Each structure stands twice: as structure tokens, then as C-alpha cells.
Amino acid sequence: MLKDEINNALEVIKNGGVILYPTDTIWGLGCDATNAAAVDKLLKIKNRPAEKSLIVLLDVDSKLQSYVKEIPEVAYDLIEYAENPLTIIFSDAKNLAANVINADGSVGIRIVEHDFCTPLIQRFRKPIVSTSANLSGKPSPKFFDDIDPEILDAVDYVVDFEQENRTIKKPSTIMKLTPSGQFEFIRK
């Protein structure tokens, strides 16, 4: 049952664990984006260099101001009118684990609309990390069945929701947005 899966994942994240979960894009590895030890654990599972950027998920755009120092007004329009999942890279991140924030001070944030992620983040009241559920350098899994057994064994909790879903999903569009409102596409 979805409610039980949200409760189980919530407990794991609260305790510094790493979950494997479905998102509005592809299957992801997630943890508390404000807990550096949890982020380290996630990076070890993924075998990912710490200097590579991570994406953070929020449930509503009104929470952006808690994690970004200066939000250009156009960001809210971009989020509202995006037809596909959109990750925006903002300058000057704050209140996140240092190992979530890029070396240049930026962070990628996506406002998620998903039956599992949205209520999980609402209940957690903090952002969660979302990075593709693959070992670094390997292709991102299209479906749950494509996830490497090494990842399945290493996470603290595997969410039992949408595991049978065969809808082809792709990673989010990524856009870099400056405080002045200028933007460029990093990944379309």
C-alpha cells in the first residue's frame, strides 16, 4: 500500500538511510539532502565522485527560498509552465549538506509531482536527494528490473511502488539559471 511505503521510506530517511525509489523521471537513490553522512553513504553506494553534482527534490516551489539565497522571479514561471520534469540549477545554495552543493555554490532543484515523492517530501519537511539508480559510469535504468543488484543490496530500503511500471521515462531537463534571470539548457 502506498501509504505504508511512504511511512517506511520516511523512517529510513529520517535515520540517515538511503532509499531506492520511483520518481517523476527515472528510478532514483535518495536520502536527506541536509545530512552529509547520508549523502556520503549514497555516493559510496553509487561509487560516484563527490565533486559531481546531485539533484535535490522539493514538493512545492514556496520552499525554494529555504535552500537558495536569491531566486529570480522567472524561476516560478519556468516551474509552473514546464511540460516535462525540470531541474533548475540555482546559484548560492544554502541550508543543504555541503556535499550536495556544487563546488561553485550551486545546486540543482526539481519541484516534483509524483504520487510517491510528493507526499514523502511533504511529510519529511526537508528536501531529498535524487540521483539515478545506477553505478557511476553505467547507463541509467529504464525500469526497476534494470537496476544493478549491487545497488539493490546496498540501499537501506527499496520502495515497493511502480516496480512493474513499463512507461519509458527519461531524466529531467536541466537548466542553469543565474540570479539575474539568464538561463541556459544543460540537458534537454
N, C-alpha and C. Protein backbone atom coordinates (compact mmCIF):
# COMPACT_ATOMS: atom_id res chain seq x y z
N MET A 1 0.85 -1.18 0.00
CA MET A 1 0.00 0.00 0.00
C MET A 1 0.89 1.25 0.00
N LEU A 2 0.53 2.22 -0.80
CA LEU A 2 1.34 3.42 -0.97
C LEU A 2 1.65 4.12 0.36
N LYS A 3 0.65 4.27 1.21
CA LYS A 3 0.84 4.95 2.49
C LYS A 3 1.92 4.25 3.33
N ASP A 4 1.90 2.92 3.34
CA ASP A 4 2.91 2.15 4.09
C ASP A 4 4.30 2.37 3.51
N GLU A 5 4.40 2.40 2.19
CA GLU A 5 5.70 2.60 1.54
C GLU A 5 6.26 3.99 1.87
N ILE A 6 5.38 4.99 1.89
CA ILE A 6 5.81 6.35 2.26
C ILE A 6 6.30 6.35 3.71
N ASN A 7 5.55 5.73 4.61
CA ASN A 7 5.94 5.67 6.02
C ASN A 7 7.28 4.97 6.20
N ASN A 8 7.47 3.84 5.51
CA ASN A 8 8.72 3.08 5.63
C ASN A 8 9.90 3.89 5.11
N ALA A 9 9.74 4.50 3.95
CA ALA A 9 10.82 5.30 3.36
C ALA A 9 11.13 6.50 4.24
N LEU A 10 10.11 7.12 4.81
CA LEU A 10 10.27 8.27 5.68
C LEU A 10 11.13 7.92 6.89
N GLU A 11 10.87 6.78 7.51
CA GLU A 11 11.66 6.36 8.68
C GLU A 11 13.12 6.14 8.31
N VAL A 12 13.36 5.53 7.16
CA VAL A 12 14.74 5.27 6.71
C VAL A 12 15.47 6.59 6.48
N ILE A 13 14.82 7.53 5.79
CA ILE A 13 15.45 8.83 5.50
C ILE A 13 15.71 9.61 6.80
N LYS A 14 14.75 9.60 7.70
CA LYS A 14 14.91 10.31 8.98
C LYS A 14 16.13 9.78 9.75
N ASN A 15 16.41 8.49 9.58
CA ASN A 15 17.51 7.85 10.31
C ASN A 15 18.81 7.83 9.52
N GLY A 16 18.91 8.66 8.47
CA GLY A 16 20.15 8.78 7.73
C GLY A 16 20.39 7.68 6.70
N GLY A 17 19.33 6.96 6.33
CA GLY A 17 19.46 5.88 5.36
C GLY A 17 19.27 6.34 3.93
N VAL A 18 19.52 5.38 3.02
CA VAL A 18 19.38 5.62 1.58
C VAL A 18 18.26 4.74 1.05
N ILE A 19 17.38 5.35 0.26
CA ILE A 19 16.28 4.60 -0.34
C ILE A 19 16.47 4.51 -1.86
N LEU A 20 15.88 3.47 -2.43
CA LEU A 20 15.77 3.30 -3.88
C LEU A 20 14.29 3.50 -4.16
N TYR A 21 13.96 4.51 -5.01
CA TYR A 21 12.56 4.87 -5.13
C TYR A 21 12.21 5.37 -6.54
N PRO A 22 10.92 5.23 -6.91
CA PRO A 22 10.46 5.76 -8.19
C PRO A 22 10.28 7.27 -8.07
N THR A 23 10.54 7.99 -9.17
CA THR A 23 10.35 9.44 -9.18
C THR A 23 9.49 9.81 -10.39
N ASP A 24 9.33 11.10 -10.61
CA ASP A 24 8.60 11.58 -11.79
C ASP A 24 9.42 11.35 -13.06
N THR A 25 10.69 11.00 -12.89
CA THR A 25 11.53 10.68 -14.06
C THR A 25 11.91 9.20 -13.96
N ILE A 26 13.16 8.92 -13.65
CA ILE A 26 13.62 7.53 -13.58
C ILE A 26 13.80 7.10 -12.12
N TRP A 27 14.06 5.81 -11.89
CA TRP A 27 14.30 5.32 -10.53
C TRP A 27 15.51 6.04 -9.95
N GLY A 28 15.41 6.39 -8.66
CA GLY A 28 16.47 7.16 -8.04
C GLY A 28 16.94 6.59 -6.72
N LEU A 29 18.12 7.05 -6.34
CA LEU A 29 18.65 6.83 -5.00
C LEU A 29 18.41 8.12 -4.25
N GLY A 30 17.92 8.02 -3.02
CA GLY A 30 17.61 9.23 -2.29
C GLY A 30 17.98 9.15 -0.83
N CYS A 31 18.16 10.34 -0.24
CA CYS A 31 18.44 10.47 1.18
C CYS A 31 18.14 11.91 1.59
N ASP A 32 18.31 12.19 2.86
CA ASP A 32 18.12 13.53 3.41
C ASP A 32 19.18 14.45 2.82
N ALA A 33 18.75 15.48 2.10
CA ALA A 33 19.69 16.41 1.44
C ALA A 33 20.37 17.35 2.43
N THR A 34 20.00 17.28 3.70
CA THR A 34 20.64 18.13 4.71
C THR A 34 21.58 17.32 5.61
N ASN A 35 21.72 16.03 5.35
CA ASN A 35 22.52 15.13 6.18
C ASN A 35 23.76 14.68 5.40
N ALA A 36 24.92 15.27 5.70
CA ALA A 36 26.15 14.98 4.95
C ALA A 36 26.54 13.51 5.04
N ALA A 37 26.34 12.88 6.18
CA ALA A 37 26.70 11.46 6.33
C ALA A 37 25.82 10.58 5.42
N ALA A 38 24.54 10.91 5.34
CA ALA A 38 23.63 10.17 4.46
C ALA A 38 24.04 10.35 3.00
N VAL A 39 24.42 11.57 2.63
CA VAL A 39 24.85 11.84 1.26
C VAL A 39 26.14 11.07 0.95
N ASP A 40 27.07 11.02 1.90
CA ASP A 40 28.29 10.23 1.72
C ASP A 40 27.96 8.77 1.46
N LYS A 41 27.03 8.25 2.24
CA LYS A 41 26.60 6.85 2.09
C LYS A 41 26.05 6.61 0.69
N LEU A 42 25.20 7.53 0.23
CA LEU A 42 24.62 7.43 -1.11
C LEU A 42 25.72 7.46 -2.18
N LEU A 43 26.68 8.36 -2.04
CA LEU A 43 27.77 8.46 -3.02
C LEU A 43 28.60 7.18 -3.06
N LYS A 44 28.80 6.57 -1.89
CA LYS A 44 29.55 5.30 -1.83
C LYS A 44 28.79 4.19 -2.56
N ILE A 45 27.48 4.11 -2.33
CA ILE A 45 26.65 3.09 -2.99
C ILE A 45 26.75 3.24 -4.50
N LYS A 46 26.68 4.47 -4.96
CA LYS A 46 26.70 4.75 -6.39
C LYS A 46 28.11 4.71 -6.97
N ASN A 47 29.12 4.73 -6.08
CA ASN A 47 30.52 4.78 -6.49
C ASN A 47 30.76 6.04 -7.33
N ARG A 48 30.23 7.13 -6.82
CA ARG A 48 30.25 8.40 -7.56
C ARG A 48 31.22 9.39 -6.92
N PRO A 49 32.00 10.07 -7.74
CA PRO A 49 32.90 11.09 -7.18
C PRO A 49 32.10 12.21 -6.50
N ALA A 50 32.57 12.66 -5.37
CA ALA A 50 31.86 13.68 -4.58
C ALA A 50 31.72 15.00 -5.32
N GLU A 51 32.62 15.28 -6.29
CA GLU A 51 32.54 16.57 -6.97
C GLU A 51 31.45 16.62 -8.05
N LYS A 52 30.85 15.47 -8.39
CA LYS A 52 29.75 15.50 -9.36
C LYS A 52 28.48 15.98 -8.66
N SER A 53 27.73 16.79 -9.35
CA SER A 53 26.54 17.41 -8.77
C SER A 53 25.42 16.40 -8.51
N LEU A 54 24.62 16.72 -7.51
CA LEU A 54 23.42 15.94 -7.19
C LEU A 54 22.20 16.82 -7.37
N ILE A 55 21.07 16.19 -7.61
CA ILE A 55 19.79 16.90 -7.73
C ILE A 55 19.03 16.73 -6.43
N VAL A 56 18.31 17.77 -6.05
CA VAL A 56 17.51 17.77 -4.84
C VAL A 56 16.05 17.94 -5.25
N LEU A 57 15.16 17.21 -4.59
CA LEU A 57 13.73 17.31 -4.86
C LEU A 57 13.01 18.05 -3.74
N LEU A 58 12.09 18.91 -4.13
CA LEU A 58 11.19 19.59 -3.21
C LEU A 58 9.75 19.34 -3.67
N ASP A 59 8.81 19.46 -2.76
CA ASP A 59 7.41 19.22 -3.10
C ASP A 59 6.69 20.46 -3.61
N VAL A 60 7.13 21.66 -3.19
CA VAL A 60 6.48 22.90 -3.63
C VAL A 60 7.51 24.00 -3.83
N ASP A 61 7.25 24.89 -4.79
CA ASP A 61 8.23 25.94 -5.09
C ASP A 61 8.35 26.98 -3.97
N SER A 62 7.37 27.06 -3.09
CA SER A 62 7.46 28.03 -1.99
C SER A 62 8.59 27.69 -1.01
N LYS A 63 9.11 26.47 -1.07
CA LYS A 63 10.22 26.07 -0.19
C LYS A 63 11.59 26.42 -0.79
N LEU A 64 11.62 26.86 -2.03
CA LEU A 64 12.90 27.20 -2.67
C LEU A 64 13.70 28.20 -1.84
N GLN A 65 13.02 29.21 -1.31
CA GLN A 65 13.72 30.28 -0.58
C GLN A 65 14.46 29.76 0.65
N SER A 66 14.11 28.57 1.13
CA SER A 66 14.83 27.99 2.27
C SER A 66 16.18 27.41 1.86
N TYR A 67 16.37 27.17 0.56
CA TYR A 67 17.58 26.46 0.11
C TYR A 67 18.38 27.21 -0.96
N VAL A 68 17.86 28.35 -1.40
CA VAL A 68 18.54 29.17 -2.41
C VAL A 68 18.52 30.61 -1.92
N LYS A 69 19.68 31.29 -1.96
CA LYS A 69 19.76 32.66 -1.44
C LYS A 69 18.97 33.65 -2.27
N GLU A 70 19.07 33.55 -3.59
CA GLU A 70 18.41 34.53 -4.46
C GLU A 70 17.71 33.80 -5.61
N ILE A 71 16.39 33.90 -5.64
CA ILE A 71 15.61 33.20 -6.66
C ILE A 71 15.07 34.22 -7.66
N PRO A 72 15.51 34.12 -8.92
CA PRO A 72 14.96 35.03 -9.93
C PRO A 72 13.46 34.77 -10.09
N GLU A 73 12.69 35.81 -10.27
CA GLU A 73 11.24 35.70 -10.39
C GLU A 73 10.83 34.73 -11.51
N VAL A 74 11.62 34.70 -12.60
CA VAL A 74 11.29 33.85 -13.74
C VAL A 74 11.30 32.36 -13.36
N ALA A 75 11.99 32.00 -12.30
CA ALA A 75 12.06 30.59 -11.88
C ALA A 75 10.66 30.03 -11.62
N TYR A 76 9.82 30.82 -10.99
CA TYR A 76 8.47 30.35 -10.66
C TYR A 76 7.65 30.11 -11.93
N ASP A 77 7.82 30.96 -12.94
CA ASP A 77 7.12 30.75 -14.22
C ASP A 77 7.65 29.51 -14.92
N LEU A 78 8.96 29.35 -14.92
CA LEU A 78 9.56 28.17 -15.57
C LEU A 78 9.02 26.89 -14.94
N ILE A 79 8.94 26.87 -13.62
CA ILE A 79 8.44 25.69 -12.92
C ILE A 79 6.97 25.46 -13.24
N GLU A 80 6.20 26.52 -13.20
CA GLU A 80 4.75 26.41 -13.41
C GLU A 80 4.41 25.92 -14.82
N TYR A 81 5.15 26.41 -15.81
CA TYR A 81 4.78 26.12 -17.19
C TYR A 81 5.58 25.00 -17.85
N ALA A 82 6.52 24.42 -17.13
CA ALA A 82 7.30 23.32 -17.71
C ALA A 82 6.38 22.14 -18.03
N GLU A 83 6.51 21.63 -19.24
CA GLU A 83 5.67 20.50 -19.64
C GLU A 83 6.26 19.17 -19.20
N ASN A 84 7.57 19.14 -18.98
CA ASN A 84 8.26 17.93 -18.53
C ASN A 84 9.00 18.25 -17.24
N PRO A 85 9.40 17.21 -16.49
CA PRO A 85 10.15 17.47 -15.27
C PRO A 85 11.37 18.36 -15.55
N LEU A 86 11.51 19.42 -14.75
CA LEU A 86 12.55 20.43 -14.96
C LEU A 86 13.39 20.61 -13.71
N THR A 87 14.69 20.40 -13.86
CA THR A 87 15.63 20.67 -12.78
C THR A 87 16.29 22.00 -13.09
N ILE A 88 16.25 22.90 -12.12
CA ILE A 88 16.88 24.21 -12.30
C ILE A 88 18.11 24.27 -11.40
N ILE A 89 19.24 24.65 -11.99
CA ILE A 89 20.46 24.85 -11.22
C ILE A 89 20.49 26.31 -10.77
N PHE A 90 20.40 26.49 -9.46
CA PHE A 90 20.41 27.81 -8.85
C PHE A 90 21.80 28.11 -8.29
N SER A 91 22.22 29.38 -8.35
CA SER A 91 23.45 29.82 -7.70
C SER A 91 23.18 29.96 -6.20
N ASP A 92 24.21 29.91 -5.42
CA ASP A 92 24.14 30.23 -3.98
C ASP A 92 23.13 29.38 -3.19
N ALA A 93 23.40 28.10 -3.12
CA ALA A 93 22.58 27.21 -2.30
C ALA A 93 22.86 27.47 -0.83
N LYS A 94 21.88 27.13 0.01
CA LYS A 94 22.06 27.27 1.46
C LYS A 94 21.25 26.19 2.17
N ASN A 95 21.60 25.95 3.43
CA ASN A 95 20.86 25.02 4.30
C ASN A 95 20.79 23.59 3.78
N LEU A 96 21.77 23.20 2.97
CA LEU A 96 21.87 21.83 2.49
C LEU A 96 23.22 21.27 2.93
N ALA A 97 23.33 19.94 2.94
CA ALA A 97 24.62 19.33 3.27
C ALA A 97 25.67 19.86 2.28
N ALA A 98 26.87 20.13 2.78
CA ALA A 98 27.94 20.68 1.93
C ALA A 98 28.23 19.79 0.73
N ASN A 99 28.08 18.46 0.89
CA ASN A 99 28.38 17.55 -0.22
C ASN A 99 27.23 17.42 -1.22
N VAL A 100 26.17 18.18 -1.03
CA VAL A 100 25.10 18.27 -2.03
C VAL A 100 25.34 19.49 -2.91
N ILE A 101 25.97 20.50 -2.33
CA ILE A 101 26.20 21.76 -3.03
C ILE A 101 27.43 21.63 -3.93
N ASN A 102 27.31 22.08 -5.15
CA ASN A 102 28.39 22.02 -6.12
C ASN A 102 29.55 22.93 -5.68
N ALA A 103 30.74 22.67 -6.21
CA ALA A 103 31.93 23.45 -5.85
C ALA A 103 31.74 24.95 -6.09
N ASP A 104 30.92 25.31 -7.09
CA ASP A 104 30.69 26.73 -7.39
C ASP A 104 29.56 27.33 -6.54
N GLY A 105 29.03 26.55 -5.59
CA GLY A 105 27.99 27.05 -4.71
C GLY A 105 26.57 26.81 -5.22
N SER A 106 26.45 26.19 -6.40
CA SER A 106 25.13 25.99 -6.98
C SER A 106 24.52 24.64 -6.57
N VAL A 107 23.22 24.51 -6.83
CA VAL A 107 22.52 23.25 -6.58
C VAL A 107 21.40 23.11 -7.61
N GLY A 108 21.17 21.87 -8.04
CA GLY A 108 20.06 21.57 -8.95
C GLY A 108 18.84 21.15 -8.13
N ILE A 109 17.71 21.83 -8.36
CA ILE A 109 16.49 21.53 -7.61
C ILE A 109 15.34 21.29 -8.58
N ARG A 110 14.56 20.24 -8.30
CA ARG A 110 13.36 19.96 -9.09
C ARG A 110 12.16 19.92 -8.17
N ILE A 111 11.11 20.61 -8.56
CA ILE A 111 9.83 20.53 -7.84
C ILE A 111 9.13 19.32 -8.44
N VAL A 112 8.91 18.32 -7.62
CA VAL A 112 8.43 17.04 -8.11
C VAL A 112 6.91 16.93 -8.00
N GLU A 113 6.31 16.32 -9.00
CA GLU A 113 4.88 16.00 -8.96
C GLU A 113 4.79 14.50 -9.20
N HIS A 114 4.61 13.75 -8.11
CA HIS A 114 4.63 12.30 -8.21
C HIS A 114 3.87 11.71 -7.02
N ASP A 115 3.14 10.62 -7.27
CA ASP A 115 2.29 10.01 -6.23
C ASP A 115 3.07 9.53 -5.00
N PHE A 116 4.34 9.18 -5.19
CA PHE A 116 5.16 8.74 -4.06
C PHE A 116 6.02 9.89 -3.51
N CYS A 117 6.75 10.55 -4.38
CA CYS A 117 7.72 11.56 -3.94
C CYS A 117 7.08 12.76 -3.25
N THR A 118 6.02 13.28 -3.81
CA THR A 118 5.42 14.50 -3.26
C THR A 118 4.98 14.30 -1.81
N PRO A 119 4.18 13.26 -1.51
CA PRO A 119 3.79 13.10 -0.10
C PRO A 119 4.97 12.75 0.82
N LEU A 120 5.97 12.04 0.30
CA LEU A 120 7.15 11.72 1.11
C LEU A 120 7.85 13.01 1.54
N ILE A 121 8.08 13.91 0.59
CA ILE A 121 8.78 15.16 0.89
C ILE A 121 7.91 16.05 1.78
N GLN A 122 6.60 16.07 1.55
CA GLN A 122 5.70 16.85 2.41
C GLN A 122 5.82 16.40 3.86
N ARG A 123 5.82 15.09 4.05
CA ARG A 123 5.89 14.55 5.41
C ARG A 123 7.28 14.74 6.03
N PHE A 124 8.32 14.65 5.22
CA PHE A 124 9.70 14.79 5.71
C PHE A 124 10.02 16.25 6.05
N ARG A 125 9.40 17.16 5.32
CA ARG A 125 9.56 18.61 5.53
C ARG A 125 10.96 19.13 5.19
N LYS A 126 11.72 18.35 4.46
CA LYS A 126 13.05 18.76 4.00
C LYS A 126 13.25 18.18 2.60
N PRO A 127 14.21 18.72 1.86
CA PRO A 127 14.46 18.16 0.52
C PRO A 127 15.15 16.80 0.59
N ILE A 128 14.95 16.02 -0.45
CA ILE A 128 15.67 14.75 -0.54
C ILE A 128 16.51 14.74 -1.82
N VAL A 129 17.62 14.03 -1.75
CA VAL A 129 18.49 13.87 -2.90
C VAL A 129 17.82 12.92 -3.89
N SER A 130 18.02 13.18 -5.16
CA SER A 130 17.58 12.25 -6.19
C SER A 130 18.69 12.14 -7.23
N THR A 131 19.27 10.97 -7.31
CA THR A 131 20.27 10.69 -8.34
C THR A 131 19.92 9.35 -8.96
N SER A 132 20.21 9.20 -10.23
CA SER A 132 19.81 7.98 -10.94
C SER A 132 20.34 6.73 -10.23
N ALA A 133 19.53 5.68 -10.25
CA ALA A 133 19.83 4.45 -9.52
C ALA A 133 20.75 3.53 -10.34
N ASN A 134 21.94 4.04 -10.63
CA ASN A 134 22.93 3.25 -11.36
C ASN A 134 24.30 3.47 -10.73
N LEU A 135 25.20 2.54 -10.98
CA LEU A 135 26.58 2.73 -10.55
C LEU A 135 27.17 3.80 -11.45
N SER A 136 28.01 4.64 -10.91
CA SER A 136 28.59 5.74 -11.67
C SER A 136 29.26 5.22 -12.94
N GLY A 137 28.95 5.88 -14.06
CA GLY A 137 29.53 5.48 -15.35
C GLY A 137 28.70 4.48 -16.12
N LYS A 138 27.74 3.85 -15.48
CA LYS A 138 26.85 2.87 -16.15
C LYS A 138 25.58 3.59 -16.59
N PRO A 139 24.85 3.00 -17.56
CA PRO A 139 23.61 3.67 -18.00
C PRO A 139 22.54 3.71 -16.90
N SER A 140 21.71 4.75 -16.94
CA SER A 140 20.60 4.86 -16.01
C SER A 140 19.58 3.77 -16.33
N PRO A 141 18.98 3.16 -15.31
CA PRO A 141 17.99 2.10 -15.56
C PRO A 141 16.69 2.67 -16.13
N LYS A 142 16.19 2.05 -17.18
CA LYS A 142 14.90 2.48 -17.74
C LYS A 142 13.75 1.99 -16.86
N PHE A 143 13.92 0.78 -16.31
CA PHE A 143 12.88 0.16 -15.49
C PHE A 143 13.49 -0.38 -14.20
N PHE A 144 12.65 -0.70 -13.25
CA PHE A 144 13.11 -1.26 -11.98
C PHE A 144 13.98 -2.50 -12.21
N ASP A 145 13.55 -3.37 -13.14
CA ASP A 145 14.28 -4.62 -13.40
C ASP A 145 15.69 -4.39 -13.93
N ASP A 146 15.98 -3.18 -14.41
CA ASP A 146 17.31 -2.88 -14.95
C ASP A 146 18.30 -2.43 -13.87
N ILE A 147 17.84 -2.27 -12.65
CA ILE A 147 18.71 -1.77 -11.58
C ILE A 147 19.71 -2.85 -11.17
N ASP A 148 20.96 -2.45 -11.08
CA ASP A 148 22.06 -3.35 -10.73
C ASP A 148 21.82 -3.99 -9.36
N PRO A 149 21.97 -5.32 -9.26
CA PRO A 149 21.79 -5.99 -7.96
C PRO A 149 22.68 -5.42 -6.86
N GLU A 150 23.84 -4.91 -7.24
CA GLU A 150 24.74 -4.30 -6.26
C GLU A 150 24.07 -3.11 -5.56
N ILE A 151 23.30 -2.36 -6.32
CA ILE A 151 22.57 -1.21 -5.75
C ILE A 151 21.44 -1.71 -4.87
N LEU A 152 20.69 -2.69 -5.36
CA LEU A 152 19.57 -3.24 -4.59
C LEU A 152 20.04 -3.74 -3.22
N ASP A 153 21.21 -4.38 -3.19
CA ASP A 153 21.75 -4.93 -1.94
C ASP A 153 22.28 -3.85 -1.01
N ALA A 154 22.74 -2.73 -1.56
CA ALA A 154 23.43 -1.71 -0.76
C ALA A 154 22.51 -0.69 -0.09
N VAL A 155 21.33 -0.45 -0.67
CA VAL A 155 20.43 0.57 -0.09
C VAL A 155 19.77 0.05 1.17
N ASP A 156 19.27 0.98 1.97
CA ASP A 156 18.60 0.61 3.22
C ASP A 156 17.14 0.24 3.02
N TYR A 157 16.54 0.73 1.93
CA TYR A 157 15.13 0.40 1.67
C TYR A 157 14.83 0.52 0.18
N VAL A 158 14.12 -0.49 -0.34
CA VAL A 158 13.66 -0.48 -1.73
C VAL A 158 12.15 -0.25 -1.70
N VAL A 159 11.71 0.83 -2.27
CA VAL A 159 10.28 1.17 -2.27
C VAL A 159 9.53 0.23 -3.20
N ASP A 160 8.48 -0.35 -2.67
CA ASP A 160 7.65 -1.29 -3.43
C ASP A 160 6.46 -0.53 -4.02
N PHE A 161 6.74 0.28 -5.03
CA PHE A 161 5.71 1.06 -5.70
C PHE A 161 6.22 1.31 -7.12
N GLU A 162 5.38 1.07 -8.11
CA GLU A 162 5.71 1.28 -9.52
C GLU A 162 6.84 0.37 -10.04
N GLN A 163 7.12 -0.72 -9.34
CA GLN A 163 8.18 -1.61 -9.81
C GLN A 163 7.82 -2.30 -11.12
N GLU A 164 6.52 -2.44 -11.38
CA GLU A 164 6.08 -3.09 -12.62
C GLU A 164 5.83 -2.09 -13.75
N ASN A 165 5.96 -0.81 -13.46
CA ASN A 165 5.67 0.23 -14.45
C ASN A 165 6.63 0.12 -15.64
N ARG A 166 6.08 0.05 -16.85
CA ARG A 166 6.89 -0.07 -18.07
C ARG A 166 6.80 1.18 -18.94
N THR A 167 6.33 2.28 -18.35
CA THR A 167 6.32 3.54 -19.08
C THR A 167 7.75 4.02 -19.20
N ILE A 168 8.15 4.36 -20.42
CA ILE A 168 9.52 4.85 -20.62
C ILE A 168 9.59 6.28 -20.09
N LYS A 169 10.45 6.47 -19.11
CA LYS A 169 10.65 7.80 -18.54
C LYS A 169 12.08 8.20 -18.83
N LYS A 170 12.31 9.49 -18.88
CA LYS A 170 13.68 9.95 -19.12
C LYS A 170 14.08 10.94 -18.04
N PRO A 171 15.38 11.18 -17.91
CA PRO A 171 15.83 12.15 -16.92
C PRO A 171 15.24 13.53 -17.20
N SER A 172 15.24 14.37 -16.18
CA SER A 172 14.66 15.70 -16.32
C SER A 172 15.49 16.59 -17.24
N THR A 173 14.82 17.62 -17.74
CA THR A 173 15.52 18.70 -18.43
C THR A 173 16.29 19.46 -17.36
N ILE A 174 17.51 19.87 -17.66
CA ILE A 174 18.30 20.64 -16.69
C ILE A 174 18.63 22.00 -17.28
N MET A 175 18.33 23.03 -16.49
CA MET A 175 18.54 24.41 -16.92
C MET A 175 19.32 25.15 -15.83
N LYS A 176 20.33 25.89 -16.23
CA LYS A 176 21.07 26.72 -15.27
C LYS A 176 20.49 28.12 -15.32
N LEU A 177 20.18 28.68 -14.16
CA LEU A 177 19.51 29.97 -14.04
C LEU A 177 20.35 30.89 -13.16
N THR A 178 20.72 32.05 -13.68
CA THR A 178 21.52 32.99 -12.89
C THR A 178 20.59 33.87 -12.05
N PRO A 179 21.10 34.49 -10.99
CA PRO A 179 20.26 35.38 -10.18
C PRO A 179 19.62 36.51 -11.00
N SER A 180 20.25 36.89 -12.12
CA SER A 180 19.69 37.96 -12.96
C SER A 180 18.57 37.44 -13.87
N GLY A 181 18.35 36.12 -13.88
CA GLY A 181 17.27 35.56 -14.69
C GLY A 181 17.72 35.00 -16.03
N GLN A 182 19.02 35.09 -16.34
CA GLN A 182 19.51 34.48 -17.59
C GLN A 182 19.59 32.98 -17.40
N PHE A 183 19.29 32.24 -18.47
CA PHE A 183 19.34 30.78 -18.32
C PHE A 183 19.95 30.13 -19.55
N GLU A 184 20.46 28.92 -19.34
CA GLU A 184 20.95 28.10 -20.44
C GLU A 184 20.59 26.65 -20.15
N PHE A 185 20.30 25.89 -21.20
CA PHE A 185 19.97 24.49 -21.04
C PHE A 185 21.26 23.67 -20.93
N ILE A 186 21.31 22.81 -19.92
CA ILE A 186 22.43 21.90 -19.72
C ILE A 186 22.09 20.55 -20.35
N ARG A 187 20.82 20.12 -20.16
CA ARG A 187 20.34 18.86 -20.75
C ARG A 187 18.89 19.07 -21.13
N LYS A 188 18.58 18.79 -22.39
CA LYS A 188 17.18 18.95 -22.85
C LYS A 188 16.51 17.61 -22.91
